[in-house]
Protein backbone atom coordinates (compact mmCIF):
# COMPACT_ATOMS: atom_id res chain seq x y z
CA UNK A 1 -28.13 -33.95 -24.41
CA UNK A 2 -27.72 -37.38 -25.75
CA UNK A 3 -25.14 -39.71 -23.72
CA UNK A 4 -23.50 -38.14 -20.52
CA UNK A 5 -19.79 -37.39 -21.01
CA UNK A 6 -17.30 -39.95 -19.15
CA UNK A 7 -16.48 -39.02 -15.69
CA UNK A 8 -12.63 -38.43 -15.49
CA UNK A 9 -10.72 -39.86 -12.13
CA UNK A 10 -7.30 -38.17 -11.07
CA UNK A 11 -5.27 -39.54 -8.15
CA UNK A 12 -2.78 -37.25 -5.88
CA UNK A 13 -1.30 -37.05 -2.87
CA UNK A 14 -2.91 -33.65 -2.22
CA UNK A 15 -5.41 -31.59 -3.84
CA UNK A 16 -4.94 -28.02 -4.00
CA UNK A 17 -8.52 -26.25 -4.73
CA UNK A 18 -7.86 -22.40 -6.00
CA UNK A 19 -5.67 -20.94 -7.68
CA UNK A 20 -4.43 -17.60 -5.40
CA UNK A 21 -1.70 -16.56 -3.62
CA UNK A 22 -3.05 -19.19 -0.87
CA UNK A 23 -3.45 -22.05 -3.42
CA UNK A 24 -0.36 -21.28 -4.52
CA UNK A 25 1.97 -21.19 -1.43
CA UNK A 26 0.29 -24.10 -0.19
CA UNK A 27 2.13 -26.11 -3.68
CA UNK A 28 4.98 -24.31 -2.56
CA UNK A 29 4.88 -26.20 0.79
CA UNK A 30 3.91 -29.39 -0.59
CA UNK A 31 7.03 -29.15 -2.73
CA UNK A 32 9.37 -28.36 0.19
CA UNK A 33 8.06 -31.49 2.16
CA UNK A 34 8.66 -33.54 -0.39
CA UNK A 35 5.47 -33.64 -2.44
CA UNK A 36 3.76 -32.53 -5.76
CA UNK A 37 0.34 -31.42 -5.38
CA UNK A 38 -2.17 -30.65 -8.53
CA UNK A 39 -3.88 -27.63 -8.09
CA UNK A 40 -7.23 -27.28 -9.82
CA UNK A 41 -8.88 -23.67 -10.35
CA UNK A 42 -12.08 -22.93 -11.41
CA UNK A 43 -10.87 -19.67 -13.64
CA UNK A 44 -8.33 -19.75 -15.56
CA UNK A 45 -4.78 -20.09 -14.04
CA UNK A 46 -3.36 -18.28 -11.78
CA UNK A 47 -6.72 -16.79 -10.51
CA UNK A 48 -8.66 -15.34 -7.79
CA UNK A 49 -9.52 -12.41 -5.94
CA UNK A 50 -5.32 -12.30 -5.59
CA UNK A 51 -5.28 -11.00 -9.19
CA UNK A 52 -7.01 -7.77 -8.25
CA UNK A 53 -5.01 -6.39 -5.38
CA UNK A 54 -3.91 -3.25 -5.57
CA UNK A 55 -2.00 -1.03 -2.64
CA UNK A 56 0.02 -3.96 -1.54
CA UNK A 57 0.26 -6.15 1.78
CA UNK A 58 2.00 -5.50 4.94
CA UNK A 59 4.94 -6.57 6.74
CA UNK A 60 7.29 -5.28 9.56
CA UNK A 61 10.31 -5.16 7.71
CA UNK A 62 11.76 -1.54 9.00
CA UNK A 63 14.35 -1.31 11.25
CA UNK A 64 12.06 0.72 13.69
CA UNK A 65 9.53 -2.06 13.51
CA UNK A 66 8.98 -5.15 14.99
CA UNK A 67 6.63 -8.39 14.30
CA UNK A 68 5.52 -7.57 18.55
CA UNK A 69 4.34 -4.09 17.14
CA UNK A 70 2.98 -5.48 14.36
CA UNK A 71 0.56 -8.30 16.69
CA UNK A 72 -0.39 -5.44 18.92
CA UNK A 73 -1.70 -3.25 16.36
CA UNK A 74 -3.69 -6.67 15.07
CA UNK A 75 -4.75 -7.05 18.50
CA UNK A 76 -6.41 -3.65 18.83
CA UNK A 77 -7.61 -3.78 15.00
CA UNK A 78 -9.50 -6.82 15.63
CA UNK A 79 -11.42 -5.48 18.79
CA UNK A 80 -9.64 -7.90 20.69
CA UNK A 81 -11.21 -10.99 19.08
CA UNK A 82 -8.38 -12.21 16.79
CA UNK A 83 -6.79 -15.76 17.09
CA UNK A 84 -3.37 -14.63 18.95
CA UNK A 85 -1.60 -17.90 18.11
CA UNK A 86 -2.28 -17.25 14.81
CA UNK A 87 -1.96 -13.82 14.59
CA UNK A 88 1.62 -14.42 16.68
CA UNK A 89 3.26 -16.50 13.84
CA UNK A 90 1.40 -14.48 11.28
CA UNK A 91 3.20 -10.84 12.33
CA UNK A 92 6.71 -12.85 12.59
CA UNK A 93 6.36 -14.91 9.05
CA UNK A 94 5.43 -12.38 6.83
CA UNK A 95 8.81 -11.01 6.88
CA UNK A 96 10.53 -14.59 5.46
CA UNK A 97 7.84 -14.65 3.11
CA UNK A 98 8.41 -10.84 2.11
CA UNK A 99 12.58 -11.61 1.47
CA UNK A 100 11.44 -14.99 -0.53
CA UNK A 101 8.84 -12.80 -2.52
CA UNK A 102 11.50 -10.60 -3.32
CA UNK A 103 13.67 -12.97 -4.53
CA UNK A 104 11.07 -14.37 -6.58
CA UNK A 105 10.87 -11.05 -8.87
CA UNK A 106 7.84 -9.95 -7.24
CA UNK A 107 9.58 -6.10 -7.70
CA UNK A 108 8.93 -4.79 -4.36
CA UNK A 109 9.93 -0.75 -4.55
CA UNK A 110 13.15 -0.07 -2.29
CA UNK A 111 14.35 3.25 -1.23
CA UNK A 112 17.90 4.45 -2.43
CA UNK A 113 19.81 2.53 0.32
CA UNK A 114 17.92 -1.04 -0.65
CA UNK A 115 15.32 -1.21 1.78
CA UNK A 116 11.69 -1.46 1.37
CA UNK A 117 9.61 1.54 1.14
CA UNK A 118 6.61 1.09 2.79
CA UNK A 119 3.24 3.50 3.22
CA UNK A 120 0.70 4.01 5.72
CA UNK A 121 -2.00 2.07 5.98
CA UNK A 122 -5.06 0.99 8.27
CA UNK A 123 -5.19 0.74 11.84
CA UNK A 124 -0.85 0.59 12.11
CA UNK A 125 1.02 2.11 14.45
CA UNK A 126 3.85 3.04 11.52
CA UNK A 127 3.99 2.51 7.65
CA UNK A 128 4.01 -0.93 6.65
CA UNK A 129 2.42 -1.50 3.08
CA UNK A 130 5.19 -3.09 1.15
CA UNK A 131 3.90 -2.39 -2.89
CA UNK A 132 5.34 -2.56 -6.62
CA UNK A 133 4.97 1.06 -7.20
CA UNK A 134 0.89 0.61 -9.03
CA UNK A 135 -0.75 -2.64 -8.75
CA UNK A 136 0.21 -5.55 -6.70
CA UNK A 137 -1.94 -8.39 -8.61
CA UNK A 138 -0.61 -8.83 -11.94
CA UNK A 139 3.45 -8.94 -10.39
CA UNK A 140 2.67 -11.18 -7.39
CA UNK A 141 0.76 -13.64 -9.64
CA UNK A 142 3.27 -13.51 -12.57
CA UNK A 143 6.11 -14.50 -10.16
CA UNK A 144 4.30 -17.00 -8.08
CA UNK A 145 3.14 -19.05 -11.52
CA UNK A 146 6.46 -18.69 -12.44
CA UNK A 147 7.50 -21.02 -9.44
CA UNK A 148 5.35 -23.47 -9.80
CA UNK A 149 5.99 -23.84 -13.59
CA UNK A 150 9.60 -24.43 -12.83
CA UNK A 151 8.42 -26.68 -10.13
CA UNK A 152 6.62 -28.72 -12.61
CA UNK A 153 3.26 -28.08 -10.68
CA UNK A 154 0.59 -29.46 -12.43
CA UNK A 155 -2.73 -26.89 -12.35
CA UNK A 156 -6.10 -28.05 -14.37
CA UNK A 157 -8.90 -25.08 -14.62
CA UNK A 158 -12.30 -24.85 -15.19
CA UNK A 159 -13.33 -26.97 -12.73
CA UNK A 160 -15.78 -26.16 -10.13
CA UNK A 161 -15.99 -29.04 -7.32
CA UNK A 162 -19.68 -29.63 -6.16
CA UNK A 163 -18.97 -31.49 -2.72
CA UNK A 164 -15.64 -32.92 -0.74
CA UNK A 165 -15.78 -37.13 -0.63
CA UNK A 166 -15.36 -38.71 2.81
CA UNK A 167 -14.38 -42.20 3.62
CA UNK A 168 -14.42 -43.49 7.58
CA UNK A 169 -14.94 -39.92 8.44
CA UNK A 170 -11.88 -38.49 6.72
CA UNK A 171 -11.98 -36.51 3.29
CA UNK A 172 -10.34 -38.22 0.29
CA UNK A 173 -10.97 -35.78 -2.60
CA UNK A 174 -13.54 -33.86 -4.35
CA UNK A 175 -15.60 -34.32 -7.14
CA UNK A 176 -16.88 -31.59 -10.01
CA UNK A 177 -17.35 -31.05 -13.13
CA UNK A 178 -15.30 -28.89 -16.12
CA UNK A 179 -17.55 -26.40 -16.99
CA UNK A 180 -16.05 -25.47 -20.66
CA UNK A 181 -15.07 -29.13 -21.80
CA UNK A 182 -18.27 -30.48 -19.95
CA UNK A 183 -17.45 -33.45 -18.12
CA UNK A 184 -17.48 -34.07 -14.75
CA UNK A 185 -14.46 -34.62 -12.74
CA UNK A 186 -13.54 -37.00 -9.47
CA UNK A 187 -10.05 -36.02 -7.77
CA UNK A 188 -8.96 -39.03 -4.97
CA UNK A 189 -6.78 -37.50 -2.61
CA UNK A 190 -5.10 -38.51 0.67
CA UNK A 191 -5.39 -34.72 1.45
CA UNK A 192 -7.60 -31.53 0.36
CA UNK A 193 -6.54 -28.70 0.91
CA UNK A 194 -9.42 -25.14 0.19
CA UNK A 195 -8.04 -22.19 -0.63
CA UNK A 196 -11.29 -20.54 -2.84
CA UNK A 197 -11.18 -17.31 -0.97
CA UNK A 198 -14.34 -15.39 0.05
CA UNK A 199 -17.71 -14.98 -1.34
CA UNK A 200 -17.77 -11.78 -2.83
CA UNK A 201 -20.55 -12.52 -5.33
CA UNK A 202 -23.26 -12.49 -2.90
CA UNK A 203 -23.08 -8.86 -3.27
CA UNK A 204 -23.65 -7.11 -6.91
CA UNK A 205 -20.93 -4.50 -5.93
CA UNK A 206 -17.21 -6.05 -5.26
CA UNK A 207 -13.97 -5.92 -6.66
CA UNK A 208 -13.79 -9.37 -7.41
CA UNK A 209 -13.71 -11.84 -9.99
CA UNK A 210 -16.68 -13.33 -11.20
CA UNK A 211 -16.23 -17.12 -10.05
CA UNK A 212 -15.29 -16.07 -6.43
CA UNK A 213 -18.66 -17.57 -4.81
CA UNK A 214 -17.41 -19.14 -1.08
CA UNK A 215 -17.82 -22.45 -3.19
CA UNK A 216 -14.95 -23.77 0.07
CA UNK A 217 -16.97 -22.52 2.68
CA UNK A 218 -20.38 -24.38 1.66
CA UNK A 219 -18.62 -27.14 0.74
CA UNK A 220 -16.64 -27.55 4.06
CA UNK A 221 -20.06 -27.06 6.00
CA UNK A 222 -21.17 -29.84 4.07
CA UNK A 223 -18.37 -31.64 4.87
CA UNK A 224 -18.52 -31.39 8.43
CA UNK A 225 -16.03 -28.84 8.91
CA UNK A 226 -16.45 -25.69 11.68
CA UNK A 227 -16.62 -22.11 10.54
CA UNK A 228 -15.90 -19.09 12.55
CA UNK A 229 -16.11 -15.37 12.76
CA UNK A 230 -18.56 -15.86 9.25
CA UNK A 231 -20.59 -12.23 10.84
CA UNK A 232 -17.45 -10.43 10.25
CA UNK A 233 -17.31 -8.55 6.89
CA UNK A 234 -14.71 -6.36 5.69
CA UNK A 235 -17.04 -3.68 3.85
CA UNK A 236 -14.67 -0.85 1.73
CA UNK A 237 -15.69 1.77 -0.40
CA UNK A 238 -14.39 0.00 -3.21
CA UNK A 239 -16.21 0.40 -6.47
CA UNK A 240 -17.24 3.37 -8.53
CA UNK A 241 -20.96 3.78 -7.88
CA UNK A 242 -21.52 5.96 -11.26
CA UNK A 243 -23.35 3.43 -13.55
CA UNK A 244 -21.01 4.67 -16.52
CA UNK A 245 -18.15 3.16 -14.88
CA UNK A 246 -19.78 1.36 -11.82
CA UNK A 247 -17.98 -1.66 -11.23
CA UNK A 248 -14.56 -0.03 -11.71
CA UNK A 249 -12.53 -0.89 -8.11
CA UNK A 250 -10.58 2.37 -7.71
CA UNK A 251 -9.85 1.17 -3.64
CA UNK A 252 -10.68 4.20 -2.12
CA UNK A 253 -7.85 3.62 0.97
CA UNK A 254 -4.56 4.73 -0.73
CA UNK A 255 -6.93 8.79 -1.12
CA UNK A 256 -8.03 8.53 2.51
CA UNK A 257 -4.26 7.47 3.77
CA UNK A 258 -3.34 10.67 1.48
CA UNK A 259 -5.65 12.54 3.37
CA UNK A 260 -8.86 12.61 1.28
CA UNK A 261 -12.60 13.78 2.82
CA UNK A 262 -15.25 11.75 2.78
CA UNK A 263 -18.96 13.70 1.86
CA UNK A 264 -22.57 12.68 2.21
CA UNK A 265 -24.82 13.65 -0.92
CA UNK A 266 -25.24 17.01 0.45
CA UNK A 267 -21.45 17.31 0.14
CA UNK A 268 -20.87 17.42 4.45
CA UNK A 269 -17.80 15.77 6.03
CA UNK A 270 -19.29 12.82 8.29
CA UNK A 271 -16.70 11.11 9.75
CA UNK A 272 -16.01 13.62 12.44
CA UNK A 273 -19.51 12.76 13.85
CA UNK A 274 -18.78 8.99 13.99
CA UNK A 275 -15.10 9.11 15.35
CA UNK A 276 -14.99 12.65 16.76
CA UNK A 277 -10.93 12.06 17.24
CA UNK A 278 -9.43 10.48 14.24
CA UNK A 279 -11.91 11.45 11.59
CA UNK A 280 -11.09 9.97 8.44
CA UNK A 281 -8.27 8.46 9.63
CA UNK A 282 -10.51 5.97 12.21
CA UNK A 283 -10.11 2.28 11.59
CA UNK A 284 -11.56 0.58 8.19
CA UNK A 285 -14.71 -0.96 10.54
CA UNK A 286 -15.55 2.68 11.73
CA UNK A 287 -15.12 4.07 8.44
CA UNK A 288 -17.24 1.48 6.51
CA UNK A 289 -19.89 1.75 9.53
CA UNK A 290 -20.34 5.51 8.99
CA UNK A 291 -20.91 4.91 5.69
CA UNK A 292 -23.22 2.37 6.02
CA UNK A 293 -25.35 4.77 8.49
CA UNK A 294 -25.40 7.60 5.96
CA UNK A 295 -26.27 5.51 3.50
CA UNK A 296 -29.42 3.98 5.54
CA UNK A 297 -30.09 7.24 6.88
CA UNK A 298 -30.55 8.87 3.57
CA UNK A 299 -27.86 10.80 3.32
CA UNK A 300 -26.16 8.95 0.03
CA UNK A 301 -26.21 9.64 -3.42
CA UNK A 302 -28.66 8.19 -5.48
CA UNK A 303 -26.82 5.44 -6.47
CA UNK A 304 -26.37 4.20 -3.32
CA UNK A 305 -23.15 5.73 -2.39
CA UNK A 306 -21.24 8.56 -1.07
CA UNK A 307 -18.24 11.01 -2.12
CA UNK A 308 -14.65 11.22 -1.79
CA UNK A 309 -13.18 14.25 -1.98
CA UNK A 310 -9.37 14.26 -3.21
CA UNK A 311 -9.09 18.12 -4.71
CA UNK A 312 -6.81 18.96 -1.57
CA UNK A 313 -4.50 15.99 -2.07
CA UNK A 314 -4.51 15.96 -5.90
CA UNK A 315 -0.57 16.08 -6.31
CA UNK A 316 -0.03 13.93 -3.46
CA UNK A 317 -2.30 11.11 -5.06
CA UNK A 318 -1.15 11.54 -8.83
CA UNK A 319 1.54 8.69 -8.63
CA UNK A 320 1.15 4.76 -8.34
CA UNK A 321 -1.70 2.96 -8.13
CA UNK A 322 -4.10 5.88 -7.40
CA UNK A 323 -2.52 7.57 -10.69
CA UNK A 324 -4.89 4.78 -12.50
CA UNK A 325 -7.90 5.88 -10.72
CA UNK A 326 -7.77 9.34 -11.49
CA UNK A 327 -7.14 8.59 -14.97
CA UNK A 328 -10.51 6.84 -15.27
CA UNK A 329 -12.59 9.15 -13.99
CA UNK A 330 -11.33 11.66 -16.38
CA UNK A 331 -12.04 9.40 -19.33
CA UNK A 332 -15.17 9.37 -17.75
CA UNK A 333 -15.80 12.65 -17.43
CA UNK A 334 -14.70 13.41 -13.83
CA UNK A 335 -11.90 15.91 -12.86
CA UNK A 336 -10.44 14.72 -9.57
CA UNK A 337 -8.61 17.37 -9.04
CA UNK A 338 -12.07 19.61 -9.06
CA UNK A 339 -14.99 17.15 -8.07
CA UNK A 340 -15.42 14.49 -5.82
CA UNK A 341 -15.51 10.56 -7.04
CA UNK A 342 -18.60 8.78 -6.40
CA UNK A 343 -18.00 5.61 -5.00
CA UNK A 344 -20.30 2.53 -3.49
CA UNK A 345 -19.33 -0.24 -0.36
CA UNK A 346 -19.20 -3.49 -0.86
CA UNK A 347 -17.22 -6.53 0.71
CA UNK A 348 -13.51 -6.06 0.41
CA UNK A 349 -12.20 -9.44 2.14
CA UNK A 350 -14.41 -11.84 3.97
CA UNK A 351 -13.05 -11.69 7.30
CA UNK A 352 -14.20 -15.72 8.58
CA UNK A 353 -13.75 -18.51 7.25
CA UNK A 354 -13.20 -22.61 8.18
CA UNK A 355 -11.28 -22.86 11.51
CA UNK A 356 -7.89 -23.83 10.99
CA UNK A 357 -5.02 -24.52 13.36
CA UNK A 358 -1.63 -23.33 12.93
CA UNK A 359 -0.97 -25.74 9.86
CA UNK A 360 -3.86 -25.41 8.37
CA UNK A 361 -5.71 -28.15 9.85
CA UNK A 362 -9.68 -28.11 9.88
CA UNK A 363 -11.46 -30.52 12.39
CA UNK A 364 -12.47 -32.95 9.53
CA UNK A 365 -9.23 -35.29 9.07
CA UNK A 366 -7.62 -34.55 5.48
CA UNK A 367 -8.89 -31.52 5.23
CA UNK A 368 -7.19 -28.24 5.07
CA UNK A 369 -7.39 -24.18 4.54
CA UNK A 370 -5.49 -21.26 3.96
CA UNK A 371 -5.74 -17.69 2.86
CA UNK A 372 -9.55 -16.09 2.79
CA UNK A 373 -11.38 -19.15 3.06
CA UNK A 374 -9.85 -20.30 6.77
CA UNK A 375 -11.13 -17.85 9.39
CA UNK A 376 -9.60 -16.55 12.93
CA UNK A 377 -6.83 -14.82 12.13
CA UNK A 378 -8.08 -11.28 11.81
CA UNK A 379 -11.03 -11.16 14.21
CA UNK A 380 -13.98 -8.65 13.81
CA UNK A 381 -11.42 -6.32 11.56
CA UNK A 382 -8.04 -6.29 10.26
CA UNK A 383 -4.91 -4.17 9.12
CA UNK A 384 -4.40 -2.59 6.29
CA UNK A 385 -2.79 -5.55 3.79
CA UNK A 386 -3.05 -8.17 5.99
CA UNK A 387 -5.24 -10.24 3.77
CA UNK A 388 -2.09 -10.93 1.21
CA UNK A 389 -0.10 -11.52 4.27
CA UNK A 390 -2.03 -13.87 5.64
CA UNK A 391 -2.39 -15.87 2.42
CA UNK A 392 1.26 -15.90 2.40
CA UNK A 393 2.14 -17.54 6.07
CA UNK A 394 -1.00 -20.18 5.84
CA UNK A 395 -1.33 -20.85 2.32
CA UNK A 396 2.34 -21.79 2.67
CA UNK A 397 1.76 -23.77 6.36
CA UNK A 398 -1.46 -25.38 4.69
CA UNK A 399 0.55 -27.34 1.86
CA UNK A 400 3.08 -28.26 4.45
CA UNK A 401 0.51 -29.58 6.80
CA UNK A 402 -0.98 -31.32 4.24
CA UNK A 403 1.86 -32.84 2.56
CA UNK A 404 3.57 -33.99 6.00
CA UNK A 405 0.29 -35.87 7.32
CA UNK A 406 -0.07 -38.03 4.13
CA UNK A 407 3.49 -40.56 4.64
CA UNK A 408 1.24 -43.44 5.80
CA UNK A 409 -1.76 -43.12 4.74
CA UNK A 410 -3.49 -45.56 1.80
CA UNK A 411 -4.73 -44.41 -1.80
CA UNK A 412 -8.64 -43.42 -1.04
CA UNK A 413 -10.41 -46.47 -2.33
CA UNK A 414 -11.97 -44.86 -5.54
CA UNK A 415 -15.35 -46.89 -5.38
CA UNK A 416 -16.45 -44.90 -1.97
CA UNK A 417 -16.85 -41.06 -0.87
CA UNK A 418 -20.41 -40.90 -2.96
CA UNK A 419 -19.61 -39.39 -6.11
CA UNK A 420 -21.47 -41.64 -7.91
CA UNK A 421 -24.87 -40.51 -5.86
CA UNK A 422 -23.82 -37.00 -6.76
CA UNK A 423 -23.34 -37.38 -10.58
CA UNK A 424 -26.24 -39.10 -10.67
CA UNK A 425 -27.80 -35.65 -9.21
CA UNK A 426 -26.63 -33.80 -12.30
CA UNK A 427 -27.81 -36.59 -14.53
CA UNK A 428 -31.55 -35.65 -13.10
CA UNK A 429 -31.04 -32.05 -12.98
CA UNK A 430 -30.12 -32.13 -16.65
CA UNK A 431 -33.20 -34.57 -17.54
CA UNK A 432 -35.79 -31.51 -15.96
CA UNK A 433 -37.76 -29.53 -18.75
CA UNK A 434 -38.72 -26.69 -16.89
CA UNK A 435 -37.82 -24.60 -13.68
CA UNK A 436 -37.00 -20.86 -12.62
CA UNK A 437 -34.39 -18.83 -14.27
CA UNK A 438 -31.12 -19.38 -12.27
CA UNK A 439 -29.86 -15.51 -12.91
CA UNK A 440 -32.88 -13.97 -11.50
CA UNK A 441 -32.87 -16.59 -8.62
CA UNK A 442 -29.07 -15.20 -8.31
CA UNK A 443 -30.34 -11.18 -8.06
CA UNK A 444 -32.46 -12.17 -5.44
CA UNK A 445 -30.13 -13.45 -3.29
CA UNK A 446 -27.66 -10.04 -3.72
CA UNK A 447 -30.63 -8.45 -2.91
CA UNK A 448 -31.38 -10.06 0.25
CA UNK A 449 -27.83 -9.90 1.16
CA UNK A 450 -27.25 -5.84 0.66
CA UNK A 451 -31.14 -5.22 1.92
CA UNK A 452 -31.47 -7.68 4.89
CA UNK A 453 -27.56 -8.44 6.07
CA UNK A 454 -25.53 -6.04 4.58
CA UNK A 455 -23.58 -3.26 6.42
CA UNK A 456 -26.20 -2.64 9.15
CA UNK A 457 -28.21 -4.97 10.30
CA UNK A 458 -31.43 -5.66 12.47
CA UNK A 459 -32.02 -8.58 14.27
CA UNK A 460 -36.00 -8.31 12.52
CA UNK A 461 -34.21 -8.01 9.37
CA UNK A 462 -32.34 -11.14 9.97
CA UNK A 463 -35.12 -13.33 10.84
CA UNK A 464 -36.62 -12.00 7.57
CA UNK A 465 -33.59 -13.26 5.67
CA UNK A 466 -33.27 -16.32 6.68
CA UNK A 467 -37.17 -17.12 5.60
CA UNK A 468 -36.71 -15.39 2.10
CA UNK A 469 -33.35 -17.54 2.17
CA UNK A 470 -35.05 -21.17 2.29
CA UNK A 471 -37.25 -20.07 -0.06
CA UNK A 472 -35.23 -19.08 -2.79
CA UNK A 473 -32.32 -22.39 -1.82
CA UNK A 474 -35.74 -24.38 -2.74
CA UNK A 475 -36.09 -22.56 -6.06
CA UNK A 476 -32.32 -22.72 -6.87
CA UNK A 477 -32.58 -26.50 -6.80
CA UNK A 478 -35.38 -26.79 -9.17
CA UNK A 479 -33.62 -24.46 -11.78
CA UNK A 480 -33.71 -25.55 -15.31
CA UNK A 481 -30.40 -26.13 -16.59
CA UNK A 482 -30.80 -24.55 -19.75
CA UNK A 483 -28.85 -24.03 -23.39
CA UNK A 484 -28.50 -25.52 -26.60
CA UNK A 485 -24.97 -27.13 -26.07
CA UNK A 486 -23.26 -29.23 -23.41
CA UNK A 487 -21.04 -26.41 -22.80
CA UNK A 488 -23.78 -23.97 -22.23
CA UNK A 489 -26.15 -26.71 -20.21
CA UNK A 490 -22.80 -27.30 -17.66
CA UNK A 491 -22.14 -23.01 -17.67
CA UNK A 492 -25.88 -23.01 -16.51
CA UNK A 493 -25.18 -25.95 -13.70
CA UNK A 494 -22.12 -23.87 -12.52
CA UNK A 495 -24.01 -20.88 -11.63
CA UNK A 496 -26.51 -23.22 -9.91
CA UNK A 497 -24.18 -24.45 -7.98
CA UNK A 498 -22.58 -21.30 -7.14
CA UNK A 499 -25.60 -19.65 -6.48
CA UNK A 500 -26.47 -22.36 -3.89
CA UNK A 501 -23.32 -22.19 -2.37
CA UNK A 502 -23.74 -18.74 -1.58
CA UNK A 503 -26.84 -18.91 0.07
CA UNK A 504 -25.23 -21.49 2.30
CA UNK A 505 -22.92 -18.44 3.09
CA UNK A 506 -25.48 -16.33 3.42
CA UNK A 507 -27.33 -18.59 6.36
CA UNK A 508 -23.92 -18.98 8.18
CA UNK A 509 -23.49 -15.24 7.92
CA UNK A 510 -27.38 -14.24 8.99
CA UNK A 511 -27.15 -16.76 12.13
CA UNK A 512 -23.99 -15.63 13.18
CA UNK A 513 -25.20 -12.24 12.86
CA UNK A 514 -28.35 -13.13 14.54
CA UNK A 515 -26.37 -14.78 17.32
CA UNK A 516 -24.19 -11.59 18.06
CA UNK A 517 -26.39 -9.02 19.86
CA UNK A 518 -23.69 -6.14 20.03
CA UNK A 519 -21.72 -4.06 17.40
CA UNK A 520 -18.31 -4.83 16.69
CA UNK A 521 -15.41 -4.51 13.93
CA UNK A 522 -17.54 -5.79 10.87
CA UNK A 523 -20.69 -6.44 12.13
CA UNK A 524 -23.01 -3.37 12.75
CA UNK A 525 -26.36 -4.01 14.31
CA UNK A 526 -28.45 -1.44 14.65
CA UNK A 527 -30.46 -2.69 17.44
CA UNK A 528 -27.38 -3.39 19.67
CA UNK A 529 -25.61 -0.67 18.41
CA UNK A 530 -22.93 -0.58 21.00
CA UNK A 531 -19.77 -3.24 22.21
CA UNK A 532 -20.71 -5.49 24.48
CA UNK A 533 -18.02 -7.27 26.52
CA UNK A 534 -19.83 -9.88 27.46
CA UNK A 535 -19.42 -10.95 23.48
CA UNK A 536 -15.53 -10.84 23.35
CA UNK A 537 -15.68 -14.36 22.02
CA UNK A 538 -15.70 -16.02 18.41
CA UNK A 539 -19.09 -17.86 17.08
CA UNK A 540 -18.52 -21.32 15.51
CA UNK A 541 -21.25 -22.45 13.34
CA UNK A 542 -21.14 -26.51 12.07
CA UNK A 543 -24.23 -28.59 10.45
CA UNK A 544 -26.32 -30.60 13.08
CA UNK A 545 -28.20 -33.02 11.92
CA UNK A 546 -28.87 -31.05 8.73
CA UNK A 547 -29.46 -27.41 10.14
CA UNK A 548 -26.71 -24.74 10.88
CA UNK A 549 -25.75 -24.38 14.53
CA UNK A 550 -23.91 -21.42 16.05
CA UNK A 551 -21.67 -21.95 19.34
CA UNK A 552 -19.63 -19.64 21.25
CA UNK A 553 -15.68 -19.86 21.80
CA UNK A 554 -13.06 -18.32 23.75
CA UNK A 555 -10.52 -16.14 22.13
CA UNK A 556 -7.54 -18.74 21.86
CA UNK A 557 -4.16 -17.24 23.19
CA UNK A 558 -0.75 -17.47 22.16
CA UNK A 559 0.15 -20.97 24.06
CA UNK A 560 -3.16 -22.66 23.02
CA UNK A 561 -4.07 -24.75 20.17
CA UNK A 562 -7.00 -24.33 17.93
CA UNK A 563 -7.56 -27.76 16.92
CA UNK A 564 -6.18 -30.93 18.82
CA UNK A 565 -4.69 -32.72 16.02
CA UNK A 566 -3.67 -36.44 16.30
CA UNK A 567 -1.06 -36.04 14.04
CA UNK A 568 0.43 -32.40 14.61
CA UNK A 569 3.37 -31.69 11.76
CA UNK A 570 5.45 -29.51 14.24
CA UNK A 571 8.40 -30.98 12.99
CA UNK A 572 7.98 -29.22 9.49
CA UNK A 573 9.97 -26.44 8.76
CA UNK A 574 8.61 -22.92 6.83
CA UNK A 575 12.06 -21.85 5.58
């Protein structure tokens, strides 16, 4: 690099980081509060795991249903750990968001009498899953992006943010770089919203785009924010195991709800061994645990998967989104009317995230979060279709909260925030002419994630993981920023930064999992295989003198505050 590129400076009232459902709903919340934000995303807008949504989302919209029923089911599914205040809000307001999205042209399927058509989904007492007939992701993203375009919301893309800036303890924006245009960017904002999703790239097998890498979690930790429930991951049988189509996400929940059977490598049904009352109709967490144990104990397939037999329900599943899966497998040589599909397990949703209150506020002034980037809503496990519902409700609310707070705030001082030191570090990295390969380190981090802190955990393995993660982090920080052009070098820098963030997420996950000496929901320890009522609490992680600390937190009830804010936007409207 002959000369370092000029730095772009941007000023805005509210910066939204993330271009998925939560980010776009945050923009809606800002506009309704009289503020025009800037939305910036790492990929091409619209983006994020939302684009991969398949089945739909859940809401209590039928006449025989109620938000109270939904709320009760959510508490049961969470193994007692969901934030009651947040879940109470979500159970009710997702209904309002449903009618709103329908007006915006989402295309939800309806019955002949004009009511919403709803399907069965995990841990619901009645059909609640709203859907678009086939895949949900594309029509959802299209309808929301269209709305933002109508409101002339500025969107900038292909930016990875490295860190938040702070002034007098308050977040005042973020700095990073355009990895395609090869230039740094510094965004000065009165309020900043994290809508960056989870950290699925911690696992090689996942159903998300390749750029969703836990950036928001790691940045929040470094900025002093607290994160909650990081030990809980919603694993699912979500990708094809055969090497020919490995990575294709069939999302097996639709097949399972139709009555498909889970089989081990010996073609034996095994769910009755783990849940004698429900079998394959068990909770998502129990199915994930059972699959993990079958593979852990050597009864998985050679591709570290299991089988799903749909032959007896083929007529029922040969429609909607599941019909596309049948077609893909048939084109690869597997006829699902005769033979089972081989599927592998991976992270579908990170249940933990940044600790927020009902307006998306974190414990750090000026910093908000919504969607999968935020935590506490679902507890140890979640209802089927609740992830998108969460993003609709708390994405919107984070936008309202961030916008309502800024009216009396001065513009941030553009000279403060330590962005200059950060960019100097980038310059130093570019000047190094030797070091380890970043792609190899990423693979090693993913290996640790699967083998030591995956679905089946043990205290000894978790301790081993911490040591290996420390070593990998040191190696990653010395990576060679290789490339023949500036664009290639900035793209390498992006990958290195992502891997560093994934390592930070791994440490948070590992420390929380090590602390929780029981098995509950999306957390299973082989050395503590039973649920323990003494652990009916949440675990919060935070940075303390350069180290990650863990503390217990009582479950928030309906009438309790999550965070004690100084300027609560309680008069804001979500209508």
